[in-house]
Amino acid sequence: MKGGCMKVAHLAEAIILQSIEDLWDEDHRQGCIEFFTGEDFRTCAALAGISTSDQIKMLKMFSGLMRGAGKSVTAKKKTDFGYVAPFSELRRELAGSR
């Protein structure tokens, strides 16, 4: 059963990472905002083994982008965090926080 738990954790992590990437896509942004602000994110994060404090850190990282949902990300190069992090850099940062 241990292997099955790992597969669920990896799937949950993949869902979160895809949602992070889709925040930068105007066609998917609203659905991602709903994901991150709802129970689905907390469920996936728990399955992926992400602590509550790390969940809060992640949400704070995206808060500027989620607040500016009506604005084009490509037209706005800077966020409240000073830059838009490339997806691969964000993945490394999240992986290192565990």
N, C-alpha and C. Protein backbone atom coordinates (compact mmCIF):
# COMPACT_ATOMS: atom_id res chain seq x y z
N MET A 1 0.81 -1.20 0.00
CA MET A 1 0.00 0.00 0.00
C MET A 1 0.85 1.27 0.00
N LYS A 2 2.09 1.12 0.50
CA LYS A 2 2.97 2.28 0.57
C LYS A 2 3.18 2.91 -0.81
N GLY A 3 3.35 2.09 -1.83
CA GLY A 3 3.54 2.61 -3.19
C GLY A 3 2.32 3.36 -3.68
N GLY A 4 1.13 2.90 -3.28
CA GLY A 4 -0.10 3.59 -3.67
C GLY A 4 -0.21 4.96 -3.04
N CYS A 5 0.25 5.07 -1.79
CA CYS A 5 0.23 6.37 -1.10
C CYS A 5 1.17 7.35 -1.79
N MET A 6 2.32 6.85 -2.22
CA MET A 6 3.28 7.71 -2.92
C MET A 6 2.70 8.20 -4.24
N LYS A 7 1.97 7.34 -4.94
CA LYS A 7 1.36 7.73 -6.20
C LYS A 7 0.32 8.81 -5.98
N VAL A 8 -0.47 8.69 -4.92
CA VAL A 8 -1.48 9.70 -4.60
C VAL A 8 -0.80 11.02 -4.27
N ALA A 9 0.27 10.98 -3.48
CA ALA A 9 1.01 12.19 -3.12
C ALA A 9 1.58 12.86 -4.36
N HIS A 10 2.13 12.07 -5.27
CA HIS A 10 2.71 12.63 -6.50
C HIS A 10 1.61 13.23 -7.38
N LEU A 11 0.48 12.57 -7.46
CA LEU A 11 -0.63 13.09 -8.26
C LEU A 11 -1.13 14.41 -7.66
N ALA A 12 -1.29 14.45 -6.34
CA ALA A 12 -1.75 15.68 -5.68
C ALA A 12 -0.76 16.81 -5.91
N GLU A 13 0.53 16.52 -5.81
CA GLU A 13 1.56 17.52 -6.07
C GLU A 13 1.51 18.00 -7.52
N ALA A 14 1.29 17.08 -8.45
CA ALA A 14 1.21 17.44 -9.86
C ALA A 14 0.01 18.36 -10.13
N ILE A 15 -1.10 18.10 -9.46
CA ILE A 15 -2.29 18.95 -9.61
C ILE A 15 -1.97 20.37 -9.14
N ILE A 16 -1.31 20.47 -8.00
CA ILE A 16 -0.96 21.79 -7.46
C ILE A 16 0.01 22.50 -8.40
N LEU A 17 1.04 21.81 -8.85
CA LEU A 17 2.03 22.43 -9.75
C LEU A 17 1.40 22.87 -11.06
N GLN A 18 0.48 22.07 -11.60
CA GLN A 18 -0.20 22.47 -12.84
C GLN A 18 -1.07 23.69 -12.61
N SER A 19 -1.73 23.74 -11.45
CA SER A 19 -2.56 24.90 -11.13
C SER A 19 -1.72 26.16 -10.97
N ILE A 20 -0.52 26.01 -10.40
CA ILE A 20 0.39 27.14 -10.28
C ILE A 20 0.76 27.65 -11.67
N GLU A 21 1.13 26.73 -12.54
CA GLU A 21 1.50 27.12 -13.90
C GLU A 21 0.32 27.77 -14.62
N ASP A 22 -0.88 27.23 -14.43
CA ASP A 22 -2.06 27.76 -15.11
C ASP A 22 -2.50 29.13 -14.60
N LEU A 23 -2.00 29.55 -13.44
CA LEU A 23 -2.30 30.91 -12.97
C LEU A 23 -1.83 31.96 -13.97
N TRP A 24 -0.79 31.63 -14.74
CA TRP A 24 -0.25 32.58 -15.71
C TRP A 24 -1.00 32.54 -17.04
N ASP A 25 -1.98 31.67 -17.17
CA ASP A 25 -2.79 31.56 -18.39
C ASP A 25 -4.14 32.20 -18.13
N GLU A 26 -4.42 33.28 -18.83
CA GLU A 26 -5.67 34.01 -18.60
C GLU A 26 -6.91 33.14 -18.76
N ASP A 27 -6.86 32.14 -19.64
CA ASP A 27 -8.01 31.27 -19.87
C ASP A 27 -8.28 30.34 -18.69
N HIS A 28 -7.27 30.06 -17.89
CA HIS A 28 -7.40 29.12 -16.77
C HIS A 28 -7.31 29.78 -15.39
N ARG A 29 -6.95 31.06 -15.37
CA ARG A 29 -6.67 31.73 -14.10
C ARG A 29 -7.83 31.68 -13.12
N GLN A 30 -9.06 31.96 -13.57
CA GLN A 30 -10.20 31.99 -12.65
C GLN A 30 -10.43 30.62 -12.01
N GLY A 31 -10.31 29.56 -12.79
CA GLY A 31 -10.47 28.22 -12.23
C GLY A 31 -9.38 27.91 -11.21
N CYS A 32 -8.17 28.40 -11.46
CA CYS A 32 -7.07 28.19 -10.52
C CYS A 32 -7.31 28.97 -9.23
N ILE A 33 -7.82 30.17 -9.35
CA ILE A 33 -8.12 30.97 -8.17
C ILE A 33 -9.17 30.24 -7.32
N GLU A 34 -10.17 29.68 -7.97
CA GLU A 34 -11.18 28.92 -7.25
C GLU A 34 -10.57 27.69 -6.58
N PHE A 35 -9.64 27.04 -7.26
CA PHE A 35 -8.94 25.89 -6.69
C PHE A 35 -8.16 26.29 -5.44
N PHE A 36 -7.34 27.35 -5.56
CA PHE A 36 -6.49 27.75 -4.45
C PHE A 36 -7.26 28.33 -3.27
N THR A 37 -8.41 28.91 -3.53
CA THR A 37 -9.18 29.51 -2.44
C THR A 37 -10.23 28.56 -1.87
N GLY A 38 -10.30 27.37 -2.40
CA GLY A 38 -11.30 26.41 -1.94
C GLY A 38 -10.71 25.22 -1.22
N GLU A 39 -11.56 24.28 -0.93
CA GLU A 39 -11.19 23.07 -0.20
C GLU A 39 -10.29 22.15 -1.02
N ASP A 40 -10.41 22.20 -2.36
CA ASP A 40 -9.62 21.30 -3.21
C ASP A 40 -8.12 21.48 -3.02
N PHE A 41 -7.66 22.73 -2.89
CA PHE A 41 -6.23 22.97 -2.67
C PHE A 41 -5.80 22.37 -1.34
N ARG A 42 -6.57 22.61 -0.29
CA ARG A 42 -6.20 22.08 1.03
C ARG A 42 -6.15 20.55 1.01
N THR A 43 -7.09 19.93 0.29
CA THR A 43 -7.10 18.47 0.20
C THR A 43 -5.86 17.97 -0.55
N CYS A 44 -5.58 18.56 -1.71
CA CYS A 44 -4.40 18.14 -2.48
C CYS A 44 -3.12 18.39 -1.70
N ALA A 45 -3.04 19.52 -1.03
CA ALA A 45 -1.84 19.84 -0.26
C ALA A 45 -1.64 18.84 0.87
N ALA A 46 -2.71 18.46 1.55
CA ALA A 46 -2.60 17.47 2.62
C ALA A 46 -2.14 16.13 2.06
N LEU A 47 -2.70 15.73 0.92
CA LEU A 47 -2.30 14.46 0.30
C LEU A 47 -0.85 14.50 -0.16
N ALA A 48 -0.39 15.68 -0.57
CA ALA A 48 1.00 15.82 -1.03
C ALA A 48 1.97 16.00 0.14
N GLY A 49 1.44 16.08 1.35
CA GLY A 49 2.30 16.22 2.52
C GLY A 49 2.78 17.64 2.77
N ILE A 50 2.06 18.62 2.25
CA ILE A 50 2.44 20.02 2.43
C ILE A 50 1.80 20.52 3.73
N SER A 51 2.61 21.03 4.63
CA SER A 51 2.11 21.49 5.92
C SER A 51 1.21 22.71 5.76
N THR A 52 0.43 22.97 6.77
CA THR A 52 -0.46 24.14 6.74
C THR A 52 0.34 25.43 6.60
N SER A 53 1.46 25.53 7.30
CA SER A 53 2.26 26.75 7.20
C SER A 53 2.83 26.92 5.78
N ASP A 54 3.23 25.82 5.14
CA ASP A 54 3.72 25.91 3.76
C ASP A 54 2.58 26.23 2.79
N GLN A 55 1.38 25.75 3.08
CA GLN A 55 0.22 26.10 2.26
C GLN A 55 -0.01 27.61 2.31
N ILE A 56 0.08 28.17 3.50
CA ILE A 56 -0.12 29.61 3.67
C ILE A 56 0.96 30.38 2.92
N LYS A 57 2.21 29.92 3.00
CA LYS A 57 3.31 30.57 2.27
C LYS A 57 3.04 30.56 0.77
N MET A 58 2.57 29.42 0.27
CA MET A 58 2.28 29.31 -1.17
C MET A 58 1.18 30.30 -1.55
N LEU A 59 0.12 30.35 -0.78
CA LEU A 59 -0.99 31.24 -1.10
C LEU A 59 -0.55 32.70 -1.05
N LYS A 60 0.32 33.04 -0.13
CA LYS A 60 0.84 34.41 -0.06
C LYS A 60 1.66 34.75 -1.29
N MET A 61 2.41 33.75 -1.81
CA MET A 61 3.22 33.98 -3.02
C MET A 61 2.34 34.34 -4.21
N PHE A 62 1.14 33.77 -4.27
CA PHE A 62 0.26 33.98 -5.42
C PHE A 62 -0.80 35.04 -5.18
N SER A 63 -0.84 35.62 -3.99
CA SER A 63 -1.93 36.53 -3.66
C SER A 63 -1.99 37.73 -4.60
N GLY A 64 -0.84 38.29 -4.98
CA GLY A 64 -0.83 39.43 -5.89
C GLY A 64 -1.41 39.07 -7.25
N LEU A 65 -1.05 37.91 -7.74
CA LEU A 65 -1.54 37.47 -9.03
C LEU A 65 -3.04 37.18 -8.97
N MET A 66 -3.47 36.58 -7.87
CA MET A 66 -4.90 36.26 -7.74
C MET A 66 -5.74 37.52 -7.55
N ARG A 67 -5.18 38.53 -6.85
CA ARG A 67 -5.91 39.79 -6.69
C ARG A 67 -6.02 40.51 -8.02
N GLY A 68 -4.99 40.41 -8.84
CA GLY A 68 -4.99 41.09 -10.13
C GLY A 68 -5.51 40.21 -11.24
N ALA A 69 -6.50 39.38 -10.94
CA ALA A 69 -7.00 38.38 -11.91
C ALA A 69 -7.50 39.01 -13.19
N GLY A 70 -7.95 40.22 -13.16
CA GLY A 70 -8.47 40.85 -14.37
C GLY A 70 -7.39 41.46 -15.23
N LYS A 71 -6.15 41.49 -14.74
CA LYS A 71 -5.05 42.12 -15.46
C LYS A 71 -4.24 41.06 -16.21
N SER A 72 -3.66 41.45 -17.30
CA SER A 72 -2.82 40.56 -18.08
C SER A 72 -1.47 40.39 -17.41
N VAL A 73 -1.08 39.16 -17.18
CA VAL A 73 0.22 38.90 -16.55
C VAL A 73 1.35 39.22 -17.51
N THR A 74 1.14 38.96 -18.79
CA THR A 74 2.22 39.22 -19.75
C THR A 74 2.47 40.70 -19.90
N ALA A 75 1.44 41.52 -19.73
CA ALA A 75 1.62 42.96 -19.83
C ALA A 75 2.24 43.52 -18.55
N LYS A 76 2.03 42.84 -17.45
CA LYS A 76 2.54 43.29 -16.16
C LYS A 76 3.70 42.38 -15.76
N LYS A 77 4.91 42.83 -15.95
CA LYS A 77 6.08 42.00 -15.71
C LYS A 77 6.37 41.84 -14.23
N LYS A 78 5.93 42.75 -13.38
CA LYS A 78 6.23 42.66 -11.96
C LYS A 78 4.96 42.40 -11.17
N THR A 79 5.11 41.67 -10.09
CA THR A 79 4.01 41.43 -9.17
C THR A 79 4.39 42.06 -7.84
N ASP A 80 3.60 41.81 -6.82
CA ASP A 80 3.92 42.30 -5.48
C ASP A 80 5.24 41.72 -4.99
N PHE A 81 5.72 40.65 -5.60
CA PHE A 81 6.93 39.99 -5.17
C PHE A 81 8.14 40.45 -5.97
N GLY A 82 7.97 41.39 -6.88
CA GLY A 82 9.08 41.94 -7.62
C GLY A 82 9.31 41.29 -8.97
N TYR A 83 8.80 40.09 -9.18
CA TYR A 83 8.95 39.43 -10.47
C TYR A 83 7.98 38.26 -10.54
N VAL A 84 7.78 37.78 -11.75
CA VAL A 84 6.99 36.57 -11.96
C VAL A 84 7.97 35.41 -12.03
N ALA A 85 7.91 34.52 -11.04
CA ALA A 85 8.86 33.41 -10.97
C ALA A 85 8.61 32.42 -12.08
N PRO A 86 9.65 31.98 -12.77
CA PRO A 86 9.48 30.92 -13.76
C PRO A 86 9.01 29.64 -13.06
N PHE A 87 8.23 28.85 -13.76
CA PHE A 87 7.64 27.64 -13.18
C PHE A 87 8.71 26.71 -12.63
N SER A 88 9.80 26.50 -13.37
CA SER A 88 10.82 25.56 -12.90
C SER A 88 11.49 26.06 -11.62
N GLU A 89 11.70 27.36 -11.50
CA GLU A 89 12.28 27.92 -10.28
C GLU A 89 11.33 27.72 -9.10
N LEU A 90 10.04 27.92 -9.31
CA LEU A 90 9.05 27.74 -8.27
C LEU A 90 8.99 26.28 -7.84
N ARG A 91 9.07 25.36 -8.79
CA ARG A 91 9.06 23.93 -8.46
C ARG A 91 10.25 23.58 -7.57
N ARG A 92 11.46 24.10 -7.90
CA ARG A 92 12.64 23.84 -7.09
C ARG A 92 12.47 24.41 -5.68
N GLU A 93 11.90 25.61 -5.60
CA GLU A 93 11.70 26.25 -4.30
C GLU A 93 10.73 25.43 -3.44
N LEU A 94 9.64 24.97 -4.04
CA LEU A 94 8.68 24.17 -3.28
C LEU A 94 9.28 22.83 -2.87
N ALA A 95 10.05 22.21 -3.74
CA ALA A 95 10.65 20.92 -3.43
C ALA A 95 11.65 21.06 -2.29
N GLY A 96 12.35 22.16 -2.22
CA GLY A 96 13.34 22.36 -1.18
C GLY A 96 12.75 22.73 0.16
N SER A 97 11.48 23.12 0.19
CA SER A 97 10.86 23.55 1.44
C SER A 97 10.35 22.39 2.29
N ARG A 98 10.44 21.17 1.77
CA ARG A 98 9.94 20.01 2.53
C ARG A 98 11.03 19.31 3.25
